[in-house]
Amino acid sequence: MEGGGTLPEALKEERQLGHILPTSSEASSVKRSPWGFLLTGIVGGALVAVYAVATPFITPALRKICLPFVPATSKQIENVVKMLRCRRGPLVDIGSGDGRIVIAAAKEGFSAVGYELNPWLVWYSRYRAWQEGVHGSARFYISDLWKVTFSQYSNVVIFGVPQMMPQLEKKLELELEDDARVIACRFPFPHWIPDHVTGEGIDTVWVYDVSTFRGREKRP
């Protein structure tokens, strides 16, 4: 067979020259290696970024009593603003989320403050207030609502959940002045009787004047 000695001789020459061709598996490994490192880096970086962004949003939901972030609808904001007409004094939004209520109140002339535990939402709210030109009268703070005293506010807005409303009801009863007004969105307070109710479904707003329910408590 004429070709029997040709191949070994050629391989011998390539070995001598240092040009040994890699096997198919070795070649594939060489080609994949740089791309494999790059892909691993991209995926790893993406996972870290998602974790960093998502953790502050997810963590509150893991608490026993949480105040999850659910953006207010335009109709809810409209109903809240309607219940603030003819009102004066500072306003606070408890669990201010992305700042929509605070910004809307600031546009109506209120000195408005939002307390929110999620730092990402607070930073975003500050940016939105600056963008809307009301950063001077709309302020946002990273804080747990249970560690804040609300006695200095005449108007209180809360987007709560049923589990927290009884405890918050007691806290506000102790801290608010008689001329304060509390506006509850989505869920009413369990024991207070509202002075006004407006909206339907998830856009319903319940309004409680502190002087009214304190007056009821004092009756024999």
Protein backbone atom coordinates (compact mmCIF):
# COMPACT_ATOMS: atom_id res chain seq x y z
CA MET A 1 0.00 0.00 0.00
CA GLU A 2 1.61 3.20 -1.21
CA GLY A 3 -0.06 5.48 1.36
CA GLY A 4 0.90 3.30 4.33
CA GLY A 5 4.16 5.12 5.19
CA THR A 6 3.17 8.62 4.06
CA LEU A 7 0.99 9.70 7.02
CA PRO A 8 3.41 8.75 9.82
CA GLU A 9 6.23 10.52 8.01
CA ALA A 10 4.12 13.69 7.67
CA LEU A 11 3.19 13.61 11.36
CA LYS A 12 6.85 13.05 12.25
CA GLU A 13 7.83 16.13 10.28
CA GLU A 14 5.09 18.26 11.95
CA ARG A 15 6.24 17.13 15.39
CA GLN A 16 9.75 18.14 14.55
CA LEU A 17 8.53 21.54 13.42
CA GLY A 18 6.33 21.97 16.53
CA HIS A 19 3.11 22.17 14.47
CA ILE A 20 1.16 19.23 15.86
CA LEU A 21 -2.48 19.64 14.87
CA PRO A 22 -4.89 19.35 17.85
CA THR A 23 -7.49 16.62 17.92
CA SER A 24 -11.09 17.62 17.17
CA SER A 25 -12.02 17.70 20.90
CA GLU A 26 -8.92 19.76 21.74
CA ALA A 27 -9.67 22.22 18.94
CA SER A 28 -13.27 22.60 20.10
CA SER A 29 -12.09 23.22 23.66
CA VAL A 30 -9.63 25.87 22.52
CA LYS A 31 -12.28 27.64 20.49
CA ARG A 32 -14.92 27.53 23.24
CA SER A 33 -12.72 28.54 26.12
CA PRO A 34 -12.62 32.35 25.62
CA TRP A 35 -16.33 32.49 24.78
CA GLY A 36 -17.13 30.27 27.73
CA PHE A 37 -15.37 32.62 30.13
CA LEU A 38 -17.11 35.62 28.55
CA LEU A 39 -20.56 34.00 28.72
CA THR A 40 -20.01 32.93 32.31
CA GLY A 41 -19.00 36.47 33.22
CA ILE A 42 -22.04 38.00 31.53
CA VAL A 43 -24.50 35.58 33.15
CA GLY A 44 -22.87 35.95 36.55
CA GLY A 45 -22.92 39.73 36.33
CA ALA A 46 -26.56 39.74 35.25
CA LEU A 47 -27.56 37.53 38.19
CA VAL A 48 -25.73 39.77 40.65
CA ALA A 49 -27.42 42.85 39.17
CA VAL A 50 -30.88 41.26 39.32
CA TYR A 51 -30.29 40.19 42.91
CA ALA A 52 -29.13 43.67 43.91
CA VAL A 53 -32.17 45.34 42.36
CA ALA A 54 -34.78 42.77 43.34
CA THR A 55 -33.76 42.12 46.94
CA PRO A 56 -35.11 45.42 48.37
CA PHE A 57 -38.42 44.78 46.58
CA ILE A 58 -38.73 41.16 47.74
CA THR A 59 -37.44 41.47 51.30
CA PRO A 60 -40.43 43.47 52.71
CA ALA A 61 -42.74 40.68 51.52
CA LEU A 62 -40.89 38.24 53.78
CA ARG A 63 -41.80 40.11 56.96
CA LYS A 64 -44.71 39.11 59.17
CA ILE A 65 -46.55 42.35 58.42
CA CYS A 66 -45.50 43.90 55.15
CA LEU A 67 -46.44 46.93 53.10
CA PRO A 68 -45.83 45.74 49.52
CA PHE A 69 -45.28 48.14 46.68
CA VAL A 70 -48.37 48.42 44.49
CA PRO A 71 -48.40 51.57 42.32
CA ALA A 72 -51.37 53.87 42.82
CA THR A 73 -53.67 54.21 39.86
CA SER A 74 -54.43 57.60 38.35
CA LYS A 75 -58.01 57.33 39.66
CA GLN A 76 -56.78 56.63 43.20
CA ILE A 77 -54.56 59.69 43.07
CA GLU A 78 -57.50 61.73 41.77
CA ASN A 79 -59.71 60.52 44.64
CA VAL A 80 -57.05 61.32 47.24
CA VAL A 81 -56.51 64.81 45.86
CA LYS A 82 -60.28 65.38 45.88
CA MET A 83 -60.41 64.48 49.58
CA LEU A 84 -57.58 66.93 50.29
CA ARG A 85 -59.35 69.96 48.84
CA CYS A 86 -59.87 72.79 51.31
CA ARG A 87 -57.34 71.11 53.60
CA ARG A 88 -54.20 72.73 54.95
CA GLY A 89 -51.13 71.65 56.85
CA PRO A 90 -48.34 69.15 56.13
CA LEU A 91 -49.07 65.79 54.54
CA VAL A 92 -47.46 62.40 54.96
CA ASP A 93 -47.79 59.32 52.79
CA ILE A 94 -47.08 56.18 54.85
CA GLY A 95 -45.34 53.69 52.58
CA SER A 96 -44.93 56.18 49.74
CA GLY A 97 -43.77 53.68 47.10
CA ASP A 98 -42.67 55.50 43.96
CA GLY A 99 -43.83 58.87 45.33
CA ARG A 100 -46.93 59.45 43.21
CA ILE A 101 -49.18 60.63 46.03
CA VAL A 102 -46.53 62.88 47.58
CA ILE A 103 -45.73 64.48 44.23
CA ALA A 104 -49.43 65.00 43.44
CA ALA A 105 -49.98 66.61 46.85
CA ALA A 106 -46.95 68.86 46.40
CA LYS A 107 -48.41 70.06 43.10
CA GLU A 108 -51.55 71.01 45.02
CA GLY A 109 -49.50 73.21 47.35
CA PHE A 110 -48.93 70.83 50.26
CA SER A 111 -45.65 70.36 52.05
CA ALA A 112 -45.58 66.60 51.54
CA VAL A 113 -43.38 63.85 52.97
CA GLY A 114 -43.15 60.18 52.09
CA TYR A 115 -41.77 57.43 54.31
CA GLU A 116 -40.67 54.29 52.53
CA LEU A 117 -38.51 51.38 53.65
CA ASN A 118 -37.35 50.48 50.15
CA PRO A 119 -34.27 52.62 49.30
CA TRP A 120 -34.62 52.05 45.54
CA LEU A 121 -38.14 53.49 45.59
CA VAL A 122 -37.05 56.45 47.72
CA TRP A 123 -34.24 57.34 45.32
CA TYR A 124 -36.58 56.99 42.38
CA SER A 125 -39.19 59.18 44.14
CA ARG A 126 -36.61 61.90 44.74
CA TYR A 127 -35.64 61.81 41.08
CA ARG A 128 -39.30 62.03 40.01
CA ALA A 129 -39.91 64.97 42.37
CA TRP A 130 -36.93 66.77 40.86
CA GLN A 131 -38.15 65.94 37.36
CA GLU A 132 -41.62 67.29 38.18
CA GLY A 133 -40.19 70.46 39.71
CA VAL A 134 -41.55 69.89 43.23
CA HIS A 135 -38.42 68.64 44.98
CA GLY A 136 -38.57 71.65 47.32
CA SER A 137 -41.95 70.62 48.76
CA ALA A 138 -41.86 66.84 48.23
CA ARG A 139 -39.41 64.99 50.46
CA PHE A 140 -38.77 61.29 50.90
CA TYR A 141 -37.13 59.35 53.69
CA ILE A 142 -35.98 55.76 54.11
CA SER A 143 -37.68 54.68 57.30
CA ASP A 144 -39.82 52.01 58.94
CA LEU A 145 -43.29 53.47 59.50
CA TRP A 146 -43.46 51.93 62.98
CA LYS A 147 -40.45 53.99 64.02
CA VAL A 148 -41.88 57.33 62.83
CA THR A 149 -44.06 59.68 64.86
CA PHE A 150 -46.86 61.29 62.82
CA SER A 151 -48.07 63.90 65.32
CA GLN A 152 -46.76 66.79 63.20
CA TYR A 153 -48.91 65.92 60.17
CA SER A 154 -52.42 67.23 59.51
CA ASN A 155 -53.07 64.92 56.57
CA VAL A 156 -52.13 61.24 56.47
CA VAL A 157 -52.42 58.97 53.45
CA ILE A 158 -51.97 55.23 53.73
CA PHE A 159 -52.02 52.41 51.17
CA GLY A 160 -52.10 49.58 53.67
CA VAL A 161 -52.87 45.87 53.87
CA PRO A 162 -55.51 44.32 56.16
CA GLN A 163 -52.94 42.73 58.51
CA MET A 164 -51.45 46.08 59.49
CA MET A 165 -54.54 48.27 59.74
CA PRO A 166 -55.56 47.48 63.36
CA GLN A 167 -52.07 48.21 64.70
CA LEU A 168 -51.73 51.36 62.58
CA GLU A 169 -55.17 52.51 63.72
CA LYS A 170 -54.02 52.43 67.35
CA LYS A 171 -50.76 54.21 66.52
CA LEU A 172 -52.51 57.07 64.70
CA GLU A 173 -55.13 57.41 67.44
CA LEU A 174 -52.36 58.05 69.94
CA GLU A 175 -50.27 60.41 67.80
CA LEU A 176 -52.52 62.58 65.63
CA GLU A 177 -54.04 65.90 66.61
CA ASP A 178 -57.82 66.46 66.54
CA ASP A 179 -57.69 68.48 63.31
CA ALA A 180 -55.94 65.70 61.36
CA ARG A 181 -57.47 63.76 58.49
CA VAL A 182 -56.56 60.19 57.56
CA ILE A 183 -57.14 58.91 54.03
CA ALA A 184 -57.02 55.13 53.58
CA CYS A 185 -56.73 53.61 50.11
CA ARG A 186 -57.67 50.05 49.06
CA PHE A 187 -58.46 48.88 52.61
CA PRO A 188 -60.41 50.72 55.36
CA PHE A 189 -59.56 50.81 59.04
CA PRO A 190 -61.33 48.08 61.02
CA HIS A 191 -62.95 50.14 63.79
CA TRP A 192 -63.20 53.73 62.58
CA ILE A 193 -66.34 54.89 60.80
CA PRO A 194 -65.41 56.94 57.70
CA ASP A 195 -66.69 60.48 57.29
CA HIS A 196 -66.49 60.19 53.50
CA VAL A 197 -66.11 57.38 50.98
CA THR A 198 -65.36 57.92 47.31
CA GLY A 199 -64.40 55.72 44.38
CA GLU A 200 -65.12 52.10 43.54
CA GLY A 201 -63.25 48.81 43.77
CA ILE A 202 -59.50 49.16 44.22
CA ASP A 203 -59.85 52.92 43.73
CA THR A 204 -62.02 53.35 46.84
CA VAL A 205 -60.83 55.94 49.34
CA TRP A 206 -62.01 56.13 52.96
CA VAL A 207 -61.69 59.44 54.81
CA TYR A 208 -61.50 59.70 58.60
CA ASP A 209 -61.45 62.97 60.53
CA VAL A 210 -59.77 62.45 63.89
CA SER A 211 -62.10 64.89 65.67
CA THR A 212 -65.09 62.83 64.53
CA PHE A 213 -64.04 59.42 65.84
CA ARG A 214 -62.62 60.92 69.02
CA GLY A 215 -65.95 62.66 69.55
CA ARG A 216 -67.73 59.34 69.18
CA GLU A 217 -65.40 57.74 71.74
CA LYS A 218 -66.18 60.47 74.30
CA ARG A 219 -69.96 60.00 74.07
CA PRO A 220 -71.53 58.13 77.03
